[in-house]
């Protein structure tokens, strides 16, 4: 790093215990749960699979999600009187991009929350378009189904990680 005149920021750099034995080691030392860290929009957490094996869980940073939802809300108020298909197309790209980036194993709840909240924000914006207007949820559900992609896991583990997990599981089925 010195070659490129780079140095680590002391407040942003730390060593944390991680891995499949971190929870046991910290509990034995009386330190509580393993520490988490934020990186590239995710909070990384030492967790376990349904079968009890170690897994690094990646969940959307709450602060980032709140900021993005606030940005969507402001954008919807600005586009309140635009045609529904135009707003739907814009929201489709926002929701789709969010789902593709944050669609990792263990983050399904945050994806569903983001999609649901954007749907509610759009519903509120459509209801405020006129003094007498109210968009019924049956119509709103059709709009959501036609414009928003489903909240699903888009990114699975890297091929090397899948291979390693298959060997550990003694079963030929890759994790979902």
Protein backbone atom coordinates (compact mmCIF):
# COMPACT_ATOMS: atom_id res chain seq x y z
CA UNK A 1 0.00 0.00 0.00
CA UNK A 2 2.89 2.35 0.65
CA UNK A 3 3.93 1.98 -2.98
CA UNK A 4 0.72 3.80 -3.98
CA UNK A 5 0.76 6.19 -1.00
CA UNK A 6 -2.31 4.51 0.51
CA UNK A 7 -3.06 3.96 4.16
CA UNK A 8 -5.87 2.41 6.18
CA UNK A 9 -8.33 4.70 7.93
CA UNK A 10 -8.01 3.86 11.66
CA UNK A 11 -11.72 4.43 12.41
CA UNK A 12 -12.90 2.34 9.46
CA UNK A 13 -10.49 -0.56 9.81
CA UNK A 14 -10.65 -3.30 12.41
CA UNK A 15 -10.09 -7.00 12.81
CA UNK A 16 -13.10 -9.07 13.75
CA UNK A 17 -13.44 -12.73 14.52
CA UNK A 18 -15.41 -14.53 11.84
CA UNK A 19 -15.94 -18.08 10.73
CA UNK A 20 -17.79 -21.15 11.87
CA UNK A 21 -16.18 -21.17 15.31
CA UNK A 22 -16.50 -17.43 16.01
CA UNK A 23 -19.78 -17.70 17.94
CA UNK A 24 -18.47 -20.48 20.20
CA UNK A 25 -15.16 -18.71 20.82
CA UNK A 26 -16.83 -15.39 21.67
CA UNK A 27 -19.40 -17.07 23.90
CA UNK A 28 -16.63 -18.92 25.74
CA UNK A 29 -14.80 -15.59 26.23
CA UNK A 30 -18.02 -13.89 27.38
CA UNK A 31 -18.06 -11.43 24.46
CA UNK A 32 -21.54 -12.11 23.05
CA UNK A 33 -22.40 -12.58 19.39
CA UNK A 34 -19.80 -12.18 16.62
CA UNK A 35 -19.45 -8.64 15.32
CA UNK A 36 -20.99 -7.57 12.02
CA UNK A 37 -19.56 -5.25 9.41
CA UNK A 38 -20.96 -3.20 6.54
CA UNK A 39 -19.45 -3.48 3.07
CA UNK A 40 -20.80 -2.75 -0.43
CA UNK A 41 -24.34 -2.04 0.79
CA UNK A 42 -24.63 -5.21 2.89
CA UNK A 43 -24.34 -5.94 6.59
CA UNK A 44 -22.30 -9.15 6.84
CA UNK A 45 -23.33 -11.41 9.71
CA UNK A 46 -22.04 -14.77 10.95
CA UNK A 47 -25.07 -17.03 10.64
CA UNK A 48 -26.19 -20.57 10.03
CA UNK A 49 -28.05 -22.39 7.30
CA UNK A 50 -31.27 -24.27 8.07
CA UNK A 51 -29.12 -27.37 8.54
CA UNK A 52 -26.96 -25.61 11.14
CA UNK A 53 -23.86 -25.06 9.02
CA UNK A 54 -21.91 -21.78 9.07
CA UNK A 55 -22.87 -19.13 6.52
CA UNK A 56 -22.05 -15.47 6.07
CA UNK A 57 -25.42 -13.75 5.84
CA UNK A 58 -25.57 -10.60 3.76
CA UNK A 59 -28.46 -8.28 4.49
CA UNK A 60 -29.24 -4.86 3.05
CA UNK A 61 -27.95 -2.05 5.26
CA UNK A 62 -31.09 -0.55 6.83
CA UNK A 63 -29.82 3.01 6.53
CA UNK A 64 -29.25 2.54 2.79
CA UNK A 65 -32.71 1.03 2.29
CA UNK A 66 -34.40 3.90 4.12
CA UNK A 67 -32.46 6.42 2.02
CA UNK A 68 -33.43 4.67 -1.23
CA UNK A 69 -37.10 4.49 -0.21
CA UNK A 70 -37.03 8.21 0.63
CA UNK A 71 -35.52 8.90 -2.79
CA UNK A 72 -38.29 6.84 -4.45
CA UNK A 73 -40.93 8.72 -2.45
CA UNK A 74 -39.61 12.11 -3.57
CA UNK A 75 -39.43 10.89 -7.17
CA UNK A 76 -43.04 9.68 -7.02
CA UNK A 77 -44.27 13.03 -5.73
CA UNK A 78 -42.48 14.75 -8.61
CA UNK A 79 -44.03 12.34 -11.13
CA UNK A 80 -47.44 12.21 -9.47
CA UNK A 81 -49.32 13.48 -12.51
CA UNK A 82 -47.32 11.57 -15.13
CA UNK A 83 -49.11 8.75 -16.96
CA UNK A 84 -49.26 5.46 -15.03
CA UNK A 85 -47.28 3.47 -17.65
CA UNK A 86 -44.46 6.03 -17.59
CA UNK A 87 -44.21 5.90 -13.78
CA UNK A 88 -44.55 2.11 -13.86
CA UNK A 89 -41.64 1.84 -16.29
CA UNK A 90 -39.48 4.07 -14.07
CA UNK A 91 -40.37 2.11 -10.92
CA UNK A 92 -39.76 -1.18 -12.73
CA UNK A 93 -36.16 -0.19 -13.36
CA UNK A 94 -35.67 1.02 -9.77
CA UNK A 95 -37.22 -2.06 -8.15
CA UNK A 96 -35.59 -4.43 -10.64
CA UNK A 97 -32.15 -2.93 -10.11
CA UNK A 98 -32.53 -3.10 -6.35
CA UNK A 99 -33.68 -6.72 -6.48
CA UNK A 100 -30.83 -7.74 -8.79
CA UNK A 101 -28.14 -6.12 -6.64
CA UNK A 102 -29.46 -7.11 -3.22
CA UNK A 103 -30.97 -10.46 -4.30
CA UNK A 104 -28.57 -12.70 -2.39
CA UNK A 105 -29.32 -15.74 -0.22
CA UNK A 106 -30.53 -14.70 3.23
CA UNK A 107 -31.86 -11.29 2.12
CA UNK A 108 -35.35 -12.26 0.91
CA UNK A 109 -37.12 -10.41 3.75
CA UNK A 110 -35.44 -7.10 2.89
CA UNK A 111 -36.26 -7.57 -0.80
CA UNK A 112 -39.94 -8.21 -0.07
CA UNK A 113 -40.02 -5.20 2.27
CA UNK A 114 -38.52 -2.91 -0.38
CA UNK A 115 -40.97 -4.07 -3.07
CA UNK A 116 -43.95 -3.79 -0.70
CA UNK A 117 -42.97 -0.30 0.49
CA UNK A 118 -42.46 0.99 -3.07
CA UNK A 119 -45.90 -0.44 -3.93
CA UNK A 120 -47.46 1.44 -1.01
CA UNK A 121 -45.70 4.66 -1.96
CA UNK A 122 -46.98 4.36 -5.54
CA UNK A 123 -50.49 3.66 -4.26
CA UNK A 124 -50.39 6.78 -2.07
CA UNK A 125 -49.14 8.88 -4.98
CA UNK A 126 -51.90 7.59 -7.28
CA UNK A 127 -54.56 8.25 -4.63
CA UNK A 128 -53.43 11.86 -4.22
CA UNK A 129 -53.63 12.65 -7.95
CA UNK A 130 -57.12 14.08 -7.57
CA UNK A 131 -59.33 15.14 -4.70
CA UNK A 132 -61.84 12.39 -5.39
CA UNK A 133 -59.48 9.74 -6.64
CA UNK A 134 -58.86 6.52 -4.84
CA UNK A 135 -57.15 3.60 -6.48
CA UNK A 136 -58.60 0.33 -5.23
CA UNK A 137 -56.19 -2.38 -4.21
CA UNK A 138 -57.47 -4.73 -6.90
CA UNK A 139 -56.25 -2.29 -9.57
CA UNK A 140 -53.07 -1.62 -7.61
CA UNK A 141 -52.30 -5.36 -7.43
CA UNK A 142 -52.66 -5.59 -11.22
CA UNK A 143 -50.30 -2.62 -11.67
CA UNK A 144 -47.76 -4.14 -9.30
CA UNK A 145 -47.90 -7.55 -11.01
CA UNK A 146 -47.52 -6.00 -14.44
CA UNK A 147 -44.70 -3.57 -13.59
CA UNK A 148 -42.69 -4.95 -10.67
CA UNK A 149 -40.53 -8.07 -10.89
CA UNK A 150 -41.09 -10.59 -8.07
CA UNK A 151 -38.89 -10.35 -4.98
CA UNK A 152 -36.63 -13.33 -5.46
CA UNK A 153 -33.03 -14.34 -4.96
CA UNK A 154 -31.13 -13.43 -8.14
CA UNK A 155 -27.55 -14.15 -7.09
CA UNK A 156 -26.58 -17.52 -5.76
CA UNK A 157 -23.26 -18.48 -4.30
CA UNK A 158 -20.14 -18.45 -6.45
CA UNK A 159 -19.46 -21.77 -8.23
CA UNK A 160 -16.50 -22.57 -5.96
CA UNK A 161 -18.61 -21.95 -2.85
CA UNK A 162 -21.42 -24.16 -4.21
CA UNK A 163 -18.89 -26.94 -4.85
CA UNK A 164 -17.51 -26.61 -1.33
CA UNK A 165 -21.00 -26.69 0.21
CA UNK A 166 -21.98 -29.76 -1.82
CA UNK A 167 -18.94 -31.62 -0.51
CA UNK A 168 -19.81 -30.64 3.09
CA UNK A 169 -23.47 -31.64 2.78
CA UNK A 170 -22.86 -35.18 1.48
CA UNK A 171 -25.90 -34.51 -0.72
CA UNK A 172 -25.90 -33.69 -4.42
CA UNK A 173 -28.44 -30.86 -4.10
CA UNK A 174 -26.99 -27.32 -4.22
CA UNK A 175 -28.40 -24.81 -1.66
CA UNK A 176 -31.30 -22.67 -2.83
